């Protein structure tokens, strides 16, 4: 069985910025965009609907 490498959200954000060559001005917003909706229960009141819409649009362009 292969071991699964788990990244922290900070490490994931850093890896994304390195691969794309883009530095995000609001890192907190990037972290929210990378967080799955099922993780919301620990952060009550945060709504990811805008990011979901944006992600769908970006994928549609690709």
PDB file of N, CA and C in Angstrom:
ATOM      1  N   UNK A   1       0.847  -1.186   0.000  1.00  0.00           N
ATOM      2  CA  UNK A   1       0.000   0.000   0.000  1.00  0.00           C
ATOM      3  C   UNK A   1       0.887   1.242   0.000  1.00  0.00           C
ATOM      4  N   UNK A   2       0.653   2.137  -0.905  1.00  0.00           N
ATOM      5  CA  UNK A   2       1.469   3.346  -1.023  1.00  0.00           C
ATOM      6  C   UNK A   2       1.111   4.345   0.062  1.00  0.00           C
ATOM      7  N   UNK A   3       2.122   5.007   0.560  1.00  0.00           N
ATOM      8  CA  UNK A   3       1.902   6.031   1.584  1.00  0.00           C
ATOM      9  C   UNK A   3       1.372   7.293   0.913  1.00  0.00           C
ATOM     10  N   UNK A   4       0.423   7.926   1.543  1.00  0.00           N
ATOM     11  CA  UNK A   4      -0.147   9.163   1.025  1.00  0.00           C
ATOM     12  C   UNK A   4       0.545  10.337   1.684  1.00  0.00           C
ATOM     13  N   UNK A   5       1.026  11.264   0.864  1.00  0.00           N
ATOM     14  CA  UNK A   5       1.684  12.452   1.389  1.00  0.00           C
ATOM     15  C   UNK A   5       0.623  13.512   1.652  1.00  0.00           C
ATOM     16  N   UNK A   6       0.556  13.984   2.881  1.00  0.00           N
ATOM     17  CA  UNK A   6      -0.415  15.011   3.242  1.00  0.00           C
ATOM     18  C   UNK A   6       0.290  16.357   3.357  1.00  0.00           C
ATOM     19  N   UNK A   7      -0.265  17.350   2.706  1.00  0.00           N
ATOM     20  CA  UNK A   7       0.269  18.705   2.774  1.00  0.00           C
ATOM     21  C   UNK A   7      -0.603  19.553   3.679  1.00  0.00           C
ATOM     22  N   UNK A   8       0.018  20.450   4.398  1.00  0.00           N
ATOM     23  CA  UNK A   8      -0.771  21.426   5.140  1.00  0.00           C
ATOM     24  C   UNK A   8      -1.310  22.429   4.132  1.00  0.00           C
ATOM     25  N   UNK A   9      -2.296  23.190   4.526  1.00  0.00           N
ATOM     26  CA  UNK A   9      -2.868  24.182   3.613  1.00  0.00           C
ATOM     27  C   UNK A   9      -1.825  25.231   3.236  1.00  0.00           C
ATOM     28  N   UNK A  10      -0.933  25.569   4.175  1.00  0.00           N
ATOM     29  CA  UNK A  10       0.136  26.527   3.872  1.00  0.00           C
ATOM     30  C   UNK A  10       1.104  25.965   2.832  1.00  0.00           C
ATOM     31  N   UNK A  11       1.465  24.688   2.989  1.00  0.00           N
ATOM     32  CA  UNK A  11       2.379  24.055   2.038  1.00  0.00           C
ATOM     33  C   UNK A  11       1.730  23.933   0.662  1.00  0.00           C
ATOM     34  N   UNK A  12       0.446  23.632   0.630  1.00  0.00           N
ATOM     35  CA  UNK A  12      -0.274  23.536  -0.634  1.00  0.00           C
ATOM     36  C   UNK A  12      -0.327  24.892  -1.332  1.00  0.00           C
ATOM     37  N   UNK A  13      -0.619  25.938  -0.577  1.00  0.00           N
ATOM     38  CA  UNK A  13      -0.665  27.288  -1.141  1.00  0.00           C
ATOM     39  C   UNK A  13       0.705  27.685  -1.683  1.00  0.00           C
ATOM     40  N   UNK A  14       1.750  27.384  -0.932  1.00  0.00           N
ATOM     41  CA  UNK A  14       3.113  27.709  -1.362  1.00  0.00           C
ATOM     42  C   UNK A  14       3.475  26.956  -2.636  1.00  0.00           C
ATOM     43  N   UNK A  15       3.131  25.675  -2.700  1.00  0.00           N
ATOM     44  CA  UNK A  15       3.415  24.872  -3.889  1.00  0.00           C
ATOM     45  C   UNK A  15       2.666  25.412  -5.107  1.00  0.00           C
ATOM     46  N   UNK A  16       1.427  25.818  -4.915  1.00  0.00           N
ATOM     47  CA  UNK A  16       0.638  26.383  -6.012  1.00  0.00           C
ATOM     48  C   UNK A  16       1.270  27.670  -6.528  1.00  0.00           C
ATOM     49  N   UNK A  17       1.705  28.528  -5.615  1.00  0.00           N
ATOM     50  CA  UNK A  17       2.325  29.790  -6.029  1.00  0.00           C
ATOM     51  C   UNK A  17       3.637  29.540  -6.769  1.00  0.00           C
ATOM     52  N   UNK A  18       4.407  28.561  -6.331  1.00  0.00           N
ATOM     53  CA  UNK A  18       5.666  28.248  -7.011  1.00  0.00           C
ATOM     54  C   UNK A  18       5.418  27.690  -8.404  1.00  0.00           C
ATOM     55  N   UNK A  19       4.446  26.811  -8.529  1.00  0.00           N
ATOM     56  CA  UNK A  19       4.174  26.189  -9.840  1.00  0.00           C
ATOM     57  C   UNK A  19       3.582  27.169 -10.837  1.00  0.00           C
ATOM     58  N   UNK A  20       2.739  28.082 -10.361  1.00  0.00           N
ATOM     59  CA  UNK A  20       2.105  29.030 -11.279  1.00  0.00           C
ATOM     60  C   UNK A  20       2.931  30.285 -11.479  1.00  0.00           C
ATOM     61  N   UNK A  21       3.864  30.552 -10.553  1.00  0.00           N
ATOM     62  CA  UNK A  21       4.656  31.775 -10.639  1.00  0.00           C
ATOM     63  C   UNK A  21       3.869  33.004 -10.233  1.00  0.00           C
ATOM     64  N   UNK A  22       2.753  32.802  -9.562  1.00  0.00           N
ATOM     65  CA  UNK A  22       1.890  33.914  -9.146  1.00  0.00           C
ATOM     66  C   UNK A  22       1.901  34.032  -7.628  1.00  0.00           C
ATOM     67  N   UNK A  23       2.117  35.244  -7.139  1.00  0.00           N
ATOM     68  CA  UNK A  23       2.066  35.495  -5.697  1.00  0.00           C
ATOM     69  C   UNK A  23       0.702  36.096  -5.370  1.00  0.00           C
ATOM     70  N   UNK A  24      -0.063  35.428  -4.547  1.00  0.00           N
ATOM     71  CA  UNK A  24      -1.393  35.896  -4.181  1.00  0.00           C
ATOM     72  C   UNK A  24      -1.290  36.976  -3.112  1.00  0.00           C
ATOM     73  N   UNK A  25      -1.952  38.091  -3.332  1.00  0.00           N
ATOM     74  CA  UNK A  25      -1.910  39.201  -2.380  1.00  0.00           C
ATOM     75  C   UNK A  25      -2.632  38.842  -1.087  1.00  0.00           C
ATOM     76  N   UNK A  26      -3.736  38.145  -1.193  1.00  0.00           N
ATOM     77  CA  UNK A  26      -4.519  37.762  -0.015  1.00  0.00           C
ATOM     78  C   UNK A  26      -4.415  36.253   0.165  1.00  0.00           C
ATOM     79  N   UNK A  27      -3.460  35.840   0.950  1.00  0.00           N
ATOM     80  CA  UNK A  27      -3.204  34.413   1.132  1.00  0.00           C
ATOM     81  C   UNK A  27      -4.361  33.708   1.840  1.00  0.00           C
ATOM     82  N   UNK A  28      -5.056  34.424   2.695  1.00  0.00           N
ATOM     83  CA  UNK A  28      -6.199  33.842   3.401  1.00  0.00           C
ATOM     84  C   UNK A  28      -7.306  33.460   2.411  1.00  0.00           C
ATOM     85  N   UNK A  29      -7.502  34.282   1.416  1.00  0.00           N
ATOM     86  CA  UNK A  29      -8.510  33.995   0.387  1.00  0.00           C
ATOM     87  C   UNK A  29      -8.107  32.755  -0.421  1.00  0.00           C
ATOM     88  N   UNK A  30      -6.828  32.640  -0.718  1.00  0.00           N
ATOM     89  CA  UNK A  30      -6.332  31.462  -1.424  1.00  0.00           C
ATOM     90  C   UNK A  30      -6.567  30.208  -0.590  1.00  0.00           C
ATOM     91  N   UNK A  31      -6.299  30.287   0.692  1.00  0.00           N
ATOM     92  CA  UNK A  31      -6.501  29.137   1.570  1.00  0.00           C
ATOM     93  C   UNK A  31      -7.967  28.731   1.622  1.00  0.00           C
ATOM     94  N   UNK A  32      -8.863  29.707   1.633  1.00  0.00           N
ATOM     95  CA  UNK A  32     -10.299  29.389   1.612  1.00  0.00           C
ATOM     96  C   UNK A  32     -10.681  28.708   0.310  1.00  0.00           C
ATOM     97  N   UNK A  33     -10.082  29.173  -0.793  1.00  0.00           N
ATOM     98  CA  UNK A  33     -10.393  28.584  -2.093  1.00  0.00           C
ATOM     99  C   UNK A  33      -9.899  27.141  -2.192  1.00  0.00           C
ATOM    100  N   UNK A  34      -8.842  26.811  -1.463  1.00  0.00           N
ATOM    101  CA  UNK A  34      -8.274  25.466  -1.501  1.00  0.00           C
ATOM    102  C   UNK A  34      -8.893  24.521  -0.486  1.00  0.00           C
ATOM    103  N   UNK A  35      -9.752  25.034   0.382  1.00  0.00           N
ATOM    104  CA  UNK A  35     -10.350  24.229   1.441  1.00  0.00           C
ATOM    105  C   UNK A  35     -11.664  23.616   0.964  1.00  0.00           C
ATOM    106  N   UNK A  36     -11.786  22.322   1.101  1.00  0.00           N
ATOM    107  CA  UNK A  36     -13.000  21.622   0.680  1.00  0.00           C
ATOM    108  C   UNK A  36     -14.182  22.043   1.552  1.00  0.00           C
ATOM    109  N   UNK A  37     -15.359  22.078   0.967  1.00  0.00           N
ATOM    110  CA  UNK A  37     -16.565  22.513   1.679  1.00  0.00           C
ATOM    111  C   UNK A  37     -16.864  21.663   2.907  1.00  0.00           C
ATOM    112  N   UNK A  38     -16.459  20.405   2.897  1.00  0.00           N
ATOM    113  CA  UNK A  38     -16.728  19.541   4.049  1.00  0.00           C
ATOM    114  C   UNK A  38     -15.941  19.969   5.280  1.00  0.00           C
ATOM    115  N   UNK A  39     -14.936  20.782   5.106  1.00  0.00           N
ATOM    116  CA  UNK A  39     -14.135  21.268   6.234  1.00  0.00           C
ATOM    117  C   UNK A  39     -14.767  22.495   6.883  1.00  0.00           C
ATOM    118  N   UNK A  40     -15.881  22.949   6.357  1.00  0.00           N
ATOM    119  CA  UNK A  40     -16.530  24.157   6.872  1.00  0.00           C
ATOM    120  C   UNK A  40     -17.067  24.021   8.280  1.00  0.00           C
ATOM    121  N   UNK A  41     -17.394  22.839   8.712  1.00  0.00           N
ATOM    122  CA  UNK A  41     -18.044  22.679  10.012  1.00  0.00           C
ATOM    123  C   UNK A  41     -17.224  23.288  11.139  1.00  0.00           C
ATOM    124  N   UNK A  42     -15.913  23.274  10.997  1.00  0.00           N
ATOM    125  CA  UNK A  42     -15.075  23.868  12.037  1.00  0.00           C
ATOM    126  C   UNK A  42     -14.971  25.383  11.888  1.00  0.00           C
ATOM    127  N   UNK A  43     -15.461  25.909  10.782  1.00  0.00           N
ATOM    128  CA  UNK A  43     -15.406  27.355  10.538  1.00  0.00           C
ATOM    129  C   UNK A  43     -16.810  27.869  10.214  1.00  0.00           C
ATOM    130  N   UNK A  44     -17.690  27.772  11.151  1.00  0.00           N
ATOM    131  CA  UNK A  44     -19.089  28.163  10.931  1.00  0.00           C
ATOM    132  C   UNK A  44     -19.178  29.611  10.463  1.00  0.00           C
ATOM    133  N   UNK A  45     -20.043  29.843   9.515  1.00  0.00           N
ATOM    134  CA  UNK A  45     -20.277  31.192   9.029  1.00  0.00           C
ATOM    135  C   UNK A  45     -19.503  31.543   7.773  1.00  0.00           C
ATOM    136  N   UNK A  46     -18.533  30.713   7.386  1.00  0.00           N
ATOM    137  CA  UNK A  46     -17.768  30.983   6.173  1.00  0.00           C
ATOM    138  C   UNK A  46     -18.505  30.346   5.001  1.00  0.00           C
ATOM    139  N   UNK A  47     -18.711  31.116   3.945  1.00  0.00           N
ATOM    140  CA  UNK A  47     -19.443  30.639   2.782  1.00  0.00           C
ATOM    141  C   UNK A  47     -18.492  30.537   1.592  1.00  0.00           C
ATOM    142  N   UNK A  48     -18.429  29.373   0.974  1.00  0.00           N
ATOM    143  CA  UNK A  48     -17.524  29.130  -0.143  1.00  0.00           C
ATOM    144  C   UNK A  48     -18.240  29.197  -1.492  1.00  0.00           C
ATOM    145  N   UNK A  49     -19.476  29.622  -1.501  1.00  0.00           N
ATOM    146  CA  UNK A  49     -20.257  29.591  -2.732  1.00  0.00           C
ATOM    147  C   UNK A  49     -19.626  30.440  -3.840  1.00  0.00           C
ATOM    148  N   UNK A  50     -19.087  31.601  -3.490  1.00  0.00           N
ATOM    149  CA  UNK A  50     -18.455  32.454  -4.501  1.00  0.00           C
ATOM    150  C   UNK A  50     -17.251  31.772  -5.126  1.00  0.00           C
ATOM    151  N   UNK A  51     -16.464  31.087  -4.301  1.00  0.00           N
ATOM    152  CA  UNK A  51     -15.297  30.393  -4.825  1.00  0.00           C
ATOM    153  C   UNK A  51     -15.709  29.209  -5.690  1.00  0.00           C
ATOM    154  N   UNK A  52     -16.790  28.552  -5.329  1.00  0.00           N
ATOM    155  CA  UNK A  52     -17.283  27.433  -6.125  1.00  0.00           C
ATOM    156  C   UNK A  52     -17.696  27.924  -7.506  1.00  0.00           C
ATOM    157  N   UNK A  53     -18.400  29.044  -7.557  1.00  0.00           N
ATOM    158  CA  UNK A  53     -18.832  29.626  -8.826  1.00  0.00           C
ATOM    159  C   UNK A  53     -17.617  30.003  -9.673  1.00  0.00           C
ATOM    160  N   UNK A  54     -16.645  30.668  -9.054  1.00  0.00           N
ATOM    161  CA  UNK A  54     -15.442  31.079  -9.769  1.00  0.00           C
ATOM    162  C   UNK A  54     -14.676  29.864 -10.290  1.00  0.00           C
ATOM    163  N   UNK A  55     -14.544  28.840  -9.452  1.00  0.00           N
ATOM    164  CA  UNK A  55     -13.849  27.622  -9.874  1.00  0.00           C
ATOM    165  C   UNK A  55     -14.532  26.951 -11.050  1.00  0.00           C
ATOM    166  N   UNK A  56     -15.848  26.907 -11.028  1.00  0.00           N
ATOM    167  CA  UNK A  56     -16.597  26.320 -12.142  1.00  0.00           C
ATOM    168  C   UNK A  56     -16.359  27.105 -13.427  1.00  0.00           C
ATOM    169  N   UNK A  57     -16.304  28.418 -13.316  1.00  0.00           N
ATOM    170  CA  UNK A  57     -16.077  29.263 -14.495  1.00  0.00           C
ATOM    171  C   UNK A  57     -14.665  29.062 -15.050  1.00  0.00           C
ATOM    172  N   UNK A  58     -13.687  28.997 -14.165  1.00  0.00           N
ATOM    173  CA  UNK A  58     -12.303  28.789 -14.601  1.00  0.00           C
ATOM    174  C   UNK A  58     -12.167  27.438 -15.286  1.00  0.00           C
ATOM    175  N   UNK A  59     -12.760  26.398 -14.707  1.00  0.00           N
ATOM    176  CA  UNK A  59     -12.706  25.075 -15.332  1.00  0.00           C
ATOM    177  C   UNK A  59     -13.421  25.071 -16.678  1.00  0.00           C
ATOM    178  N   UNK A  60     -14.475  25.861 -16.788  1.00  0.00           N
ATOM    179  CA  UNK A  60     -15.181  25.963 -18.057  1.00  0.00           C
ATOM    180  C   UNK A  60     -14.329  26.598 -19.149  1.00  0.00           C
ATOM    181  N   UNK A  61     -13.455  27.515 -18.757  1.00  0.00           N
ATOM    182  CA  UNK A  61     -12.566  28.156 -19.722  1.00  0.00           C
ATOM    183  C   UNK A  61     -11.469  27.217 -20.205  1.00  0.00           C
ATOM    184  N   UNK A  62     -11.080  26.324 -19.326  1.00  0.00           N
ATOM    185  CA  UNK A  62     -10.000  25.387 -19.667  1.00  0.00           C
ATOM    186  C   UNK A  62     -10.543  24.354 -20.622  1.00  0.00           C
TER     187      UNK A  62
END
